[in-house]
PDB file of N, CA and C in Angstrom:
ATOM      1  N   MET A   1       8.945 -74.551-107.617  1.00  0.00           N
ATOM      2  CA  MET A   1       8.530 -74.386-109.006  1.00  0.00           C
ATOM      3  C   MET A   1       8.755 -72.939-109.415  1.00  0.00           C
ATOM      4  N   GLN A   2       9.274 -72.726-110.612  1.00  0.00           N
ATOM      5  CA  GLN A   2       9.602 -71.392-111.111  1.00  0.00           C
ATOM      6  C   GLN A   2       8.375 -70.750-111.754  1.00  0.00           C
ATOM      7  N   ASP A   3       8.175 -69.473-111.465  1.00  0.00           N
ATOM      8  CA  ASP A   3       7.061 -68.734-112.049  1.00  0.00           C
ATOM      9  C   ASP A   3       7.505 -68.148-113.385  1.00  0.00           C
ATOM     10  N   ASP A   4       6.959 -68.692-114.501  1.00  0.00           N
ATOM     11  CA  ASP A   4       7.352 -68.249-115.834  1.00  0.00           C
ATOM     12  C   ASP A   4       6.510 -67.092-116.363  1.00  0.00           C
ATOM     13  N   THR A   5       5.561 -66.623-115.578  1.00  0.00           N
ATOM     14  CA  THR A   5       4.739 -65.515-116.061  1.00  0.00           C
ATOM     15  C   THR A   5       5.522 -64.224-115.967  1.00  0.00           C
ATOM     16  N   LYS A   6       5.302 -63.352-116.930  1.00  0.00           N
ATOM     17  CA  LYS A   6       5.995 -62.070-116.947  1.00  0.00           C
ATOM     18  C   LYS A   6       5.012 -60.964-116.611  1.00  0.00           C
ATOM     19  N   LYS A   7       5.501 -59.990-115.914  1.00  0.00           N
ATOM     20  CA  LYS A   7       4.676 -58.827-115.631  1.00  0.00           C
ATOM     21  C   LYS A   7       4.544 -58.017-116.911  1.00  0.00           C
ATOM     22  N   SER A   8       3.432 -57.313-117.047  1.00  0.00           N
ATOM     23  CA  SER A   8       3.182 -56.572-118.278  1.00  0.00           C
ATOM     24  C   SER A   8       4.264 -55.545-118.573  1.00  0.00           C
ATOM     25  N   GLU A   9       4.893 -54.972-117.548  1.00  0.00           N
ATOM     26  CA  GLU A   9       5.935 -53.984-117.809  1.00  0.00           C
ATOM     27  C   GLU A   9       7.227 -54.634-118.296  1.00  0.00           C
ATOM     28  N   ASP A  10       7.386 -55.943-118.121  1.00  0.00           N
ATOM     29  CA  ASP A  10       8.570 -56.643-118.592  1.00  0.00           C
ATOM     30  C   ASP A  10       8.485 -56.984-120.080  1.00  0.00           C
ATOM     31  N   VAL A  11       7.293 -57.016-120.623  1.00  0.00           N
ATOM     32  CA  VAL A  11       7.094 -57.412-122.009  1.00  0.00           C
ATOM     33  C   VAL A  11       7.236 -56.171-122.897  1.00  0.00           C
ATOM     34  N   LYS A  12       8.154 -56.237-123.863  1.00  0.00           N
ATOM     35  CA  LYS A  12       8.363 -55.126-124.783  1.00  0.00           C
ATOM     36  C   LYS A  12       7.728 -55.465-126.119  1.00  0.00           C
ATOM     37  N   THR A  13       7.120 -54.464-126.706  1.00  0.00           N
ATOM     38  CA  THR A  13       6.572 -54.653-128.049  1.00  0.00           C
ATOM     39  C   THR A  13       7.261 -53.665-128.968  1.00  0.00           C
ATOM     40  N   ASP A  14       7.647 -54.154-130.118  1.00  0.00           N
ATOM     41  CA  ASP A  14       8.281 -53.288-131.112  1.00  0.00           C
ATOM     42  C   ASP A  14       7.218 -52.790-132.076  1.00  0.00           C
ATOM     43  N   ILE A  15       7.157 -51.508-132.220  1.00  0.00           N
ATOM     44  CA  ILE A  15       6.247 -50.910-133.186  1.00  0.00           C
ATOM     45  C   ILE A  15       7.068 -50.607-134.422  1.00  0.00           C
ATOM     46  N   LYS A  16       6.669 -51.196-135.530  1.00  0.00           N
ATOM     47  CA  LYS A  16       7.412 -50.999-136.768  1.00  0.00           C
ATOM     48  C   LYS A  16       7.019 -49.670-137.397  1.00  0.00           C
ATOM     49  N   GLU A  17       8.012 -48.882-137.672  1.00  0.00           N
ATOM     50  CA  GLU A  17       7.820 -47.620-138.365  1.00  0.00           C
ATOM     51  C   GLU A  17       8.201 -47.822-139.824  1.00  0.00           C
ATOM     52  N   PRO A  18       7.488 -47.162-140.739  1.00  0.00           N
ATOM     53  CA  PRO A  18       7.877 -47.286-142.145  1.00  0.00           C
ATOM     54  C   PRO A  18       9.302 -46.785-142.335  1.00  0.00           C
ATOM     55  N   TYR A  19      10.071 -47.522-143.109  1.00  0.00           N
ATOM     56  CA  TYR A  19      11.459 -47.135-143.354  1.00  0.00           C
ATOM     57  C   TYR A  19      11.638 -46.872-144.836  1.00  0.00           C
ATOM     58  N   SER A  20      12.417 -45.874-145.130  1.00  0.00           N
ATOM     59  CA  SER A  20      12.686 -45.540-146.518  1.00  0.00           C
ATOM     60  C   SER A  20      14.091 -44.979-146.630  1.00  0.00           C
ATOM     61  N   PHE A  21      14.696 -45.182-147.783  1.00  0.00           N
ATOM     62  CA  PHE A  21      15.992 -44.566-148.060  1.00  0.00           C
ATOM     63  C   PHE A  21      15.810 -43.062-148.280  1.00  0.00           C
ATOM     64  N   TYR A  22      14.591 -42.671-148.608  1.00  0.00           N
ATOM     65  CA  TYR A  22      14.294 -41.283-148.909  1.00  0.00           C
ATOM     66  C   TYR A  22      13.666 -40.602-147.701  1.00  0.00           C
ATOM     67  N   THR A  23      13.880 -39.312-147.600  1.00  0.00           N
ATOM     68  CA  THR A  23      13.220 -38.538-146.555  1.00  0.00           C
ATOM     69  C   THR A  23      11.761 -38.377-146.941  1.00  0.00           C
ATOM     70  N   GLN A  24      10.935 -37.989-145.988  1.00  0.00           N
ATOM     71  CA  GLN A  24       9.524 -37.775-146.287  1.00  0.00           C
ATOM     72  C   GLN A  24       9.350 -36.678-147.328  1.00  0.00           C
ATOM     73  N   GLU A  25      10.197 -35.661-147.269  1.00  0.00           N
ATOM     74  CA  GLU A  25      10.126 -34.581-148.259  1.00  0.00           C
ATOM     75  C   GLU A  25      10.429 -35.107-149.666  1.00  0.00           C
ATOM     76  N   GLU A  26      11.435 -35.986-149.782  1.00  0.00           N
ATOM     77  CA  GLU A  26      11.770 -36.566-151.084  1.00  0.00           C
ATOM     78  C   GLU A  26      10.633 -37.444-151.601  1.00  0.00           C
ATOM     79  N   ILE A  27      10.031 -38.216-150.704  1.00  0.00           N
ATOM     80  CA  ILE A  27       8.887 -39.055-151.091  1.00  0.00           C
ATOM     81  C   ILE A  27       7.756 -38.172-151.588  1.00  0.00           C
ATOM     82  N   ASN A  28       7.460 -37.112-150.845  1.00  0.00           N
ATOM     83  CA  ASN A  28       6.398 -36.192-151.261  1.00  0.00           C
ATOM     84  C   ASN A  28       6.689 -35.586-152.624  1.00  0.00           C
ATOM     85  N   ASN A  29       7.953 -35.246-152.879  1.00  0.00           N
ATOM     86  CA  ASN A  29       8.329 -34.665-154.169  1.00  0.00           C
ATOM     87  C   ASN A  29       8.141 -35.657-155.308  1.00  0.00           C
ATOM     88  N   VAL A  30       8.476 -36.933-155.072  1.00  0.00           N
ATOM     89  CA  VAL A  30       8.286 -37.965-156.099  1.00  0.00           C
ATOM     90  C   VAL A  30       6.797 -38.122-156.402  1.00  0.00           C
ATOM     91  N   VAL A  31       5.994 -38.229-155.350  1.00  0.00           N
ATOM     92  CA  VAL A  31       4.551 -38.388-155.530  1.00  0.00           C
ATOM     93  C   VAL A  31       3.973 -37.160-156.225  1.00  0.00           C
ATOM     94  N   LYS A  32       4.373 -35.972-155.789  1.00  0.00           N
ATOM     95  CA  LYS A  32       3.889 -34.730-156.403  1.00  0.00           C
ATOM     96  C   LYS A  32       4.279 -34.665-157.883  1.00  0.00           C
ATOM     97  N   GLY A  33       5.513 -35.012-158.190  1.00  0.00           N
ATOM     98  CA  GLY A  33       5.964 -34.993-159.578  1.00  0.00           C
ATOM     99  C   GLY A  33       5.171 -35.949-160.450  1.00  0.00           C
ATOM    100  N   PHE A  34       4.886 -37.119-159.920  1.00  0.00           N
ATOM    101  CA  PHE A  34       4.130 -38.100-160.677  1.00  0.00           C
ATOM    102  C   PHE A  34       2.703 -37.621-160.908  1.00  0.00           C
ATOM    103  N   ILE A  35       2.090 -37.076-159.856  1.00  0.00           N
ATOM    104  CA  ILE A  35       0.715 -36.583-159.990  1.00  0.00           C
ATOM    105  C   ILE A  35       0.665 -35.406-160.966  1.00  0.00           C
ATOM    106  N   ASP A  36       1.658 -34.506-160.889  1.00  0.00           N
ATOM    107  CA  ASP A  36       1.724 -33.388-161.840  1.00  0.00           C
ATOM    108  C   ASP A  36       1.806 -33.907-163.277  1.00  0.00           C
ATOM    109  N   ALA A  37       2.641 -34.912-163.493  1.00  0.00           N
ATOM    110  CA  ALA A  37       2.793 -35.491-164.837  1.00  0.00           C
ATOM    111  C   ALA A  37       1.500 -36.170-165.281  1.00  0.00           C
ATOM    112  N   TYR A  38       0.810 -36.827-164.360  1.00  0.00           N
ATOM    113  CA  TYR A  38      -0.451 -37.493-164.675  1.00  0.00           C
ATOM    114  C   TYR A  38      -1.516 -36.460-165.060  1.00  0.00           C
ATOM    115  N   ILE A  39      -1.627 -35.404-164.235  1.00  0.00           N
ATOM    116  CA  ILE A  39      -2.639 -34.378-164.488  1.00  0.00           C
ATOM    117  C   ILE A  39      -2.375 -33.662-165.813  1.00  0.00           C
ATOM    118  N   SER A  40      -1.107 -33.399-166.117  1.00  0.00           N
ATOM    119  CA  SER A  40      -0.771 -32.689-167.349  1.00  0.00           C
ATOM    120  C   SER A  40      -0.844 -33.585-168.585  1.00  0.00           C
ATOM    121  N   GLY A  41      -0.992 -34.888-168.383  1.00  0.00           N
ATOM    122  CA  GLY A  41      -1.089 -35.815-169.502  1.00  0.00           C
ATOM    123  C   GLY A  41       0.252 -36.359-169.970  1.00  0.00           C
ATOM    124  N   ASP A  42       1.338 -35.985-169.285  1.00  0.00           N
ATOM    125  CA  ASP A  42       2.667 -36.478-169.656  1.00  0.00           C
ATOM    126  C   ASP A  42       2.865 -37.945-169.270  1.00  0.00           C
ATOM    127  N   THR A  43       2.095 -38.416-168.297  1.00  0.00           N
ATOM    128  CA  THR A  43       2.199 -39.803-167.828  1.00  0.00           C
ATOM    129  C   THR A  43       0.832 -40.445-167.899  1.00  0.00           C
ATOM    130  N   LYS A  44       0.791 -41.654-168.415  1.00  0.00           N
ATOM    131  CA  LYS A  44      -0.448 -42.413-168.488  1.00  0.00           C
ATOM    132  C   LYS A  44      -0.289 -43.646-167.604  1.00  0.00           C
ATOM    133  N   ILE A  45      -1.327 -43.983-166.873  1.00  0.00           N
ATOM    134  CA  ILE A  45      -1.288 -45.152-166.008  1.00  0.00           C
ATOM    135  C   ILE A  45      -2.141 -46.246-166.634  1.00  0.00           C
ATOM    136  N   ASP A  46      -1.528 -47.395-166.841  1.00  0.00           N
ATOM    137  CA  ASP A  46      -2.265 -48.563-167.312  1.00  0.00           C
ATOM    138  C   ASP A  46      -2.443 -49.501-166.125  1.00  0.00           C
ATOM    139  N   PHE A  47      -3.591 -49.397-165.483  1.00  0.00           N
ATOM    140  CA  PHE A  47      -3.874 -50.276-164.351  1.00  0.00           C
ATOM    141  C   PHE A  47      -4.092 -51.691-164.868  1.00  0.00           C
ATOM    142  N   PRO A  48      -3.685 -52.693-164.096  1.00  0.00           N
ATOM    143  CA  PRO A  48      -3.910 -54.071-164.548  1.00  0.00           C
ATOM    144  C   PRO A  48      -5.409 -54.357-164.672  1.00  0.00           C
ATOM    145  N   THR A  49      -5.767 -55.018-165.756  1.00  0.00           N
ATOM    146  CA  THR A  49      -7.167 -55.383-165.978  1.00  0.00           C
ATOM    147  C   THR A  49      -7.520 -56.590-165.131  1.00  0.00           C
ATOM    148  N   THR A  50      -8.800 -56.887-165.099  1.00  0.00           N
ATOM    149  CA  THR A  50      -9.280 -58.055-164.360  1.00  0.00           C
ATOM    150  C   THR A  50      -8.562 -59.317-164.842  1.00  0.00           C
ATOM    151  N   GLN A  51      -8.476 -59.484-166.162  1.00  0.00           N
ATOM    152  CA  GLN A  51      -7.824 -60.676-166.716  1.00  0.00           C
ATOM    153  C   GLN A  51      -6.337 -60.723-166.358  1.00  0.00           C
ATOM    154  N   GLU A  52      -5.663 -59.570-166.369  1.00  0.00           N
ATOM    155  CA  GLU A  52      -4.249 -59.534-165.995  1.00  0.00           C
ATOM    156  C   GLU A  52      -4.056 -59.892-164.529  1.00  0.00           C
ATOM    157  N   LEU A  53      -4.956 -59.438-163.658  1.00  0.00           N
ATOM    158  CA  LEU A  53      -4.868 -59.767-162.232  1.00  0.00           C
ATOM    159  C   LEU A  53      -5.052 -61.268-162.005  1.00  0.00           C
ATOM    160  N   ILE A  54      -5.979 -61.868-162.746  1.00  0.00           N
ATOM    161  CA  ILE A  54      -6.203 -63.320-162.644  1.00  0.00           C
ATOM    162  C   ILE A  54      -4.957 -64.072-163.102  1.00  0.00           C
ATOM    163  N   LYS A  55      -4.375 -63.625-164.225  1.00  0.00           N
ATOM    164  CA  LYS A  55      -3.178 -64.266-164.767  1.00  0.00           C
ATOM    165  C   LYS A  55      -2.005 -64.146-163.791  1.00  0.00           C
ATOM    166  N   ARG A  56      -1.807 -62.957-163.221  1.00  0.00           N
ATOM    167  CA  ARG A  56      -0.723 -62.746-162.243  1.00  0.00           C
ATOM    168  C   ARG A  56      -0.891 -63.654-161.029  1.00  0.00           C
ATOM    169  N   ALA A  57      -2.126 -63.778-160.562  1.00  0.00           N
ATOM    170  CA  ALA A  57      -2.388 -64.633-159.401  1.00  0.00           C
ATOM    171  C   ALA A  57      -2.046 -66.082-159.727  1.00  0.00           C
ATOM    172  N   LYS A  58      -2.435 -66.519-160.915  1.00  0.00           N
ATOM    173  CA  LYS A  58      -2.177 -67.903-161.336  1.00  0.00           C
ATOM    174  C   LYS A  58      -0.675 -68.174-161.403  1.00  0.00           C
ATOM    175  N   VAL A  59       0.087 -67.216-161.938  1.00  0.00           N
ATOM    176  CA  VAL A  59       1.546 -67.355-162.017  1.00  0.00           C
ATOM    177  C   VAL A  59       2.135 -67.469-160.611  1.00  0.00           C
ATOM    178  N   GLY A  60       1.533 -66.766-159.660  1.00  0.00           N
ATOM    179  CA  GLY A  60       1.992 -66.813-158.268  1.00  0.00           C
ATOM    180  C   GLY A  60       1.471 -68.003-157.496  1.00  0.00           C
ATOM    181  N   GLY A  61       0.750 -68.888-158.170  1.00  0.00           N
ATOM    182  CA  GLY A  61       0.247 -70.094-157.524  1.00  0.00           C
ATOM    183  C   GLY A  61      -1.045 -69.884-156.743  1.00  0.00           C
ATOM    184  N   GLU A  62      -1.720 -68.783-156.999  1.00  0.00           N
ATOM    185  CA  GLU A  62      -2.973 -68.500-156.312  1.00  0.00           C
ATOM    186  C   GLU A  62      -4.129 -68.559-157.301  1.00  0.00           C
ATOM    187  N   GLU A  63      -5.315 -68.721-156.755  1.00  0.00           N
ATOM    188  CA  GLU A  63      -6.503 -68.681-157.596  1.00  0.00           C
ATOM    189  C   GLU A  63      -7.271 -67.415-157.253  1.00  0.00           C
ATOM    190  N   LEU A  64      -7.577 -66.627-158.245  1.00  0.00           N
ATOM    191  CA  LEU A  64      -8.322 -65.392-158.060  1.00  0.00           C
ATOM    192  C   LEU A  64      -9.571 -65.473-158.920  1.00  0.00           C
ATOM    193  N   ARG A  65     -10.707 -65.425-158.275  1.00  0.00           N
ATOM    194  CA  ARG A  65     -11.966 -65.502-159.013  1.00  0.00           C
ATOM    195  C   ARG A  65     -12.242 -64.192-159.734  1.00  0.00           C
ATOM    196  N   PHE A  66     -13.036 -64.290-160.782  1.00  0.00           N
ATOM    197  CA  PHE A  66     -13.308 -63.136-161.636  1.00  0.00           C
ATOM    198  C   PHE A  66     -13.841 -61.948-160.841  1.00  0.00           C
ATOM    199  N   ARG A  67     -14.852 -62.173-160.010  1.00  0.00           N
ATOM    200  CA  ARG A  67     -15.468 -61.070-159.250  1.00  0.00           C
ATOM    201  C   ARG A  67     -14.463 -60.405-158.312  1.00  0.00           C
ATOM    202  N   GLU A  68     -13.614 -61.212-157.692  1.00  0.00           N
ATOM    203  CA  GLU A  68     -12.601 -60.663-156.792  1.00  0.00           C
ATOM    204  C   GLU A  68     -11.567 -59.850-157.585  1.00  0.00           C
ATOM    205  N   ALA A  69     -11.162 -60.353-158.730  1.00  0.00           N
ATOM    206  CA  ALA A  69     -10.208 -59.638-159.578  1.00  0.00           C
ATOM    207  C   ALA A  69     -10.821 -58.339-160.083  1.00  0.00           C
ATOM    208  N   GLU A  70     -12.086 -58.393-160.445  1.00  0.00           N
ATOM    209  CA  GLU A  70     -12.790 -57.203-160.909  1.00  0.00           C
ATOM    210  C   GLU A  70     -12.849 -56.153-159.789  1.00  0.00           C
ATOM    211  N   ARG A  71     -13.113 -56.610-158.567  1.00  0.00           N
ATOM    212  CA  ARG A  71     -13.152 -55.718-157.413  1.00  0.00           C
ATOM    213  C   ARG A  71     -11.787 -55.080-157.179  1.00  0.00           C
ATOM    214  N   LYS A  72     -10.719 -55.882-157.317  1.00  0.00           N
ATOM    215  CA  LYS A  72      -9.366 -55.354-157.149  1.00  0.00           C
ATOM    216  C   LYS A  72      -9.024 -54.313-158.205  1.00  0.00           C
ATOM    217  N   GLU A  73      -9.443 -54.571-159.443  1.00  0.00           N
ATOM    218  CA  GLU A  73      -9.183 -53.615-160.517  1.00  0.00           C
ATOM    219  C   GLU A  73      -9.827 -52.265-160.194  1.00  0.00           C
ATOM    220  N   ILE A  74     -11.077 -52.300-159.779  1.00  0.00           N
ATOM    221  CA  ILE A  74     -11.796 -51.072-159.446  1.00  0.00           C
ATOM    222  C   ILE A  74     -11.166 -50.406-158.220  1.00  0.00           C
ATOM    223  N   GLU A  75     -10.800 -51.208-157.242  1.00  0.00           N
ATOM    224  CA  GLU A  75     -10.179 -50.688-156.017  1.00  0.00           C
ATOM    225  C   GLU A  75      -8.850 -49.990-156.318  1.00  0.00           C
ATOM    226  N   ASN A  76      -8.045 -50.571-157.213  1.00  0.00           N
ATOM    227  CA  ASN A  76      -6.767 -49.953-157.595  1.00  0.00           C
ATOM    228  C   ASN A  76      -6.983 -48.574-158.216  1.00  0.00           C
ATOM    229  N   LYS A  77      -7.941 -48.486-159.114  1.00  0.00           N
ATOM    230  CA  LYS A  77      -8.224 -47.213-159.772  1.00  0.00           C
ATOM    231  C   LYS A  77      -8.771 -46.188-158.781  1.00  0.00           C
ATOM    232  N   LYS A  78      -9.676 -46.636-157.916  1.00  0.00           N
ATOM    233  CA  LYS A  78     -10.266 -45.732-156.934  1.00  0.00           C
ATOM    234  C   LYS A  78      -9.223 -45.222-155.950  1.00  0.00           C
ATOM    235  N   SER A  79      -8.313 -46.088-155.515  1.00  0.00           N
ATOM    236  CA  SER A  79      -7.305 -45.649-154.549  1.00  0.00           C
ATOM    237  C   SER A  79      -6.373 -44.608-155.172  1.00  0.00           C
ATOM    238  N   PHE A  80      -6.098 -44.735-156.466  1.00  0.00           N
ATOM    239  CA  PHE A  80      -5.267 -43.739-157.127  1.00  0.00           C
ATOM    240  C   PHE A  80      -6.002 -42.408-157.218  1.00  0.00           C
ATOM    241  N   VAL A  81      -7.262 -42.441-157.613  1.00  0.00           N
ATOM    242  CA  VAL A  81      -8.059 -41.212-157.706  1.00  0.00           C
ATOM    243  C   VAL A  81      -8.166 -40.561-156.324  1.00  0.00           C
ATOM    244  N   ASP A  82      -8.369 -41.366-155.288  1.00  0.00           N
ATOM    245  CA  ASP A  82      -8.418 -40.840-153.920  1.00  0.00           C
ATOM    246  C   ASP A  82      -7.110 -40.144-153.564  1.00  0.00           C
ATOM    247  N   LEU A  83      -6.002 -40.766-153.913  1.00  0.00           N
ATOM    248  CA  LEU A  83      -4.698 -40.181-153.612  1.00  0.00           C
ATOM    249  C   LEU A  83      -4.515 -38.845-154.323  1.00  0.00           C
ATOM    250  N   VAL A  84      -4.901 -38.788-155.588  1.00  0.00           N
ATOM    251  CA  VAL A  84      -4.797 -37.539-156.341  1.00  0.00           C
ATOM    252  C   VAL A  84      -5.665 -36.470-155.682  1.00  0.00           C
ATOM    253  N   GLU A  85      -6.881 -36.831-155.302  1.00  0.00           N
ATOM    254  CA  GLU A  85      -7.776 -35.863-154.650  1.00  0.00           C
ATOM    255  C   GLU A  85      -7.180 -35.363-153.332  1.00  0.00           C
ATOM    256  N   ILE A  86      -6.597 -36.256-152.566  1.00  0.00           N
ATOM    257  CA  ILE A  86      -6.000 -35.879-151.284  1.00  0.00           C
ATOM    258  C   ILE A  86      -4.795 -34.973-151.502  1.00  0.00           C
ATOM    259  N   CYS A  87      -3.918 -35.362-152.412  1.00  0.00           N
ATOM    260  CA  CYS A  87      -2.683 -34.602-152.643  1.00  0.00           C
ATOM    261  C   CYS A  87      -2.942 -33.239-153.268  1.00  0.00           C
ATOM    262  N   THR A  88      -4.069 -33.094-153.946  1.00  0.00           N
ATOM    263  CA  THR A  88      -4.383 -31.808-154.567  1.00  0.00           C
ATOM    264  C   THR A  88      -5.330 -30.980-153.698  1.00  0.00           C
ATOM    265  N   GLY A  89      -5.616 -31.464-152.490  1.00  0.00           N
ATOM    266  CA  GLY A  89      -6.433 -30.694-151.554  1.00  0.00           C
ATOM    267  C   GLY A  89      -7.922 -30.919-151.677  1.00  0.00           C
ATOM    268  N   GLY A  90      -8.339 -31.880-152.467  1.00  0.00           N
ATOM    269  CA  GLY A  90      -9.765 -32.169-152.644  1.00  0.00           C
ATOM    270  C   GLY A  90     -10.386 -32.918-151.486  1.00  0.00           C
ATOM    271  N   LYS A  91      -9.578 -33.615-150.709  1.00  0.00           N
ATOM    272  CA  LYS A  91     -10.028 -34.351-149.530  1.00  0.00           C
ATOM    273  C   LYS A  91      -9.092 -34.020-148.382  1.00  0.00           C
ATOM    274  N   SER A  92      -9.634 -33.925-147.198  1.00  0.00           N
ATOM    275  CA  SER A  92      -8.829 -33.602-146.020  1.00  0.00           C
ATOM    276  C   SER A  92      -8.334 -34.867-145.328  1.00  0.00           C
ATOM    277  N   VAL A  93      -7.070 -34.843-144.948  1.00  0.00           N
ATOM    278  CA  VAL A  93      -6.470 -35.918-144.160  1.00  0.00           C
ATOM    279  C   VAL A  93      -5.492 -35.300-143.171  1.00  0.00           C
ATOM    280  N   THR A  94      -5.109 -36.082-142.182  1.00  0.00           N
ATOM    281  CA  THR A  94      -4.101 -35.619-141.239  1.00  0.00           C
ATOM    282  C   THR A  94      -2.725 -35.740-141.879  1.00  0.00           C
ATOM    283  N   THR A  95      -1.754 -35.084-141.285  1.00  0.00           N
ATOM    284  CA  THR A  95      -0.379 -35.162-141.783  1.00  0.00           C
ATOM    285  C   THR A  95       0.113 -36.605-141.763  1.00  0.00           C
ATOM    286  N   GLU A  96      -0.204 -37.327-140.696  1.00  0.00           N
ATOM    287  CA  GLU A  96       0.222 -38.730-140.585  1.00  0.00           C
ATOM    288  C   GLU A  96      -0.435 -39.588-141.661  1.00  0.00           C
ATOM    289  N   GLU A  97      -1.711 -39.365-141.937  1.00  0.00           N
ATOM    290  CA  GLU A  97      -2.397 -40.116-142.995  1.00  0.00           C
ATOM    291  C   GLU A  97      -1.770 -39.833-144.355  1.00  0.00           C
ATOM    292  N   LEU A  98      -1.425 -38.570-144.606  1.00  0.00           N
ATOM    293  CA  LEU A  98      -0.788 -38.209-145.877  1.00  0.00           C
ATOM    294  C   LEU A  98       0.571 -38.885-146.002  1.00  0.00           C
ATOM    295  N   LYS A  99       1.324 -38.928-144.908  1.00  0.00           N
ATOM    296  CA  LYS A  99       2.633 -39.591-144.906  1.00  0.00           C
ATOM    297  C   LYS A  99       2.470 -41.068-145.267  1.00  0.00           C
ATOM    298  N   MET A 100       1.524 -41.737-144.636  1.00  0.00           N
ATOM    299  CA  MET A 100       1.307 -43.166-144.896  1.00  0.00           C
ATOM    300  C   MET A 100       0.802 -43.389-146.325  1.00  0.00           C
ATOM    301  N   LEU A 101      -0.038 -42.490-146.824  1.00  0.00           N
ATOM    302  CA  LEU A 101      -0.524 -42.606-148.202  1.00  0.00           C
ATOM    303  C   LEU A 101       0.613 -42.469-149.202  1.00  0.00           C
ATOM    304  N   SER A 102       1.526 -41.550-148.937  1.00  0.00           N
ATOM    305  CA  SER A 102       2.661 -41.352-149.844  1.00  0.00           C
ATOM    306  C   SER A 102       3.510 -42.604-149.919  1.00  0.00           C
ATOM    307  N   ILE A 103       3.767 -43.221-148.788  1.00  0.00           N
ATOM    308  CA  ILE A 103       4.565 -44.450-148.748  1.00  0.00           C
ATOM    309  C   ILE A 103       3.809 -45.582-149.433  1.00  0.00           C
ATOM    310  N   ASP A 104       2.519 -45.694-149.136  1.00  0.00           N
ATOM    311  CA  ASP A 104       1.691 -46.728-149.748  1.00  0.00           C
ATOM    312  C   ASP A 104       1.653 -46.548-151.265  1.00  0.00           C
ATOM    313  N   TYR A 105       1.562 -45.303-151.708  1.00  0.00           N
ATOM    314  CA  TYR A 105       1.527 -44.986-153.134  1.00  0.00           C
ATOM    315  C   TYR A 105       2.790 -45.494-153.831  1.00  0.00           C
ATOM    316  N   LEU A 106       3.943 -45.231-153.221  1.00  0.00           N
ATOM    317  CA  LEU A 106       5.203 -45.673-153.824  1.00  0.00           C
ATOM    318  C   LEU A 106       5.276 -47.195-153.902  1.00  0.00           C
ATOM    319  N   GLU A 107       4.736 -47.870-152.899  1.00  0.00           N
ATOM    320  CA  GLU A 107       4.736 -49.344-152.906  1.00  0.00           C
ATOM    321  C   GLU A 107       3.856 -49.894-154.019  1.00  0.00           C
ATOM    322  N   LYS A 108       2.714 -49.245-154.242  1.00  0.00           N
ATOM    323  CA  LYS A 108       1.769 -49.744-155.245  1.00  0.00           C
ATOM    324  C   LYS A 108       2.183 -49.443-156.667  1.00  0.00           C
ATOM    325  N   PHE A 109       2.697 -48.229-156.893  1.00  0.00           N
ATOM    326  CA  PHE A 109       2.953 -47.798-158.256  1.00  0.00           C
ATOM    327  C   PHE A 109       4.429 -47.656-158.497  1.00  0.00           C
TER     328      PHE A 109
END
């Protein structure tokens, strides 16, 4: 009978790294430029409202309850404010956390 078990050193795991067409410096510049424009009032952000989130979910074939949509609306706004605070030095993060936030920011906005 053949032993189909593999030793732990034989098993490889792939760790996915974030990939971008842009360098981290270019990503940082885009995020910085957007935040500068937001702070100066040149750019306005219209976050989706609770009703818009419910409508989007319905179009996607999902059901989103009012309270959950309301929570998402608040969470979206809070995450943006957190990002602005971090990027402007108001909150401390590691270099790796800042890198991941920059990528996450581009995905969201």
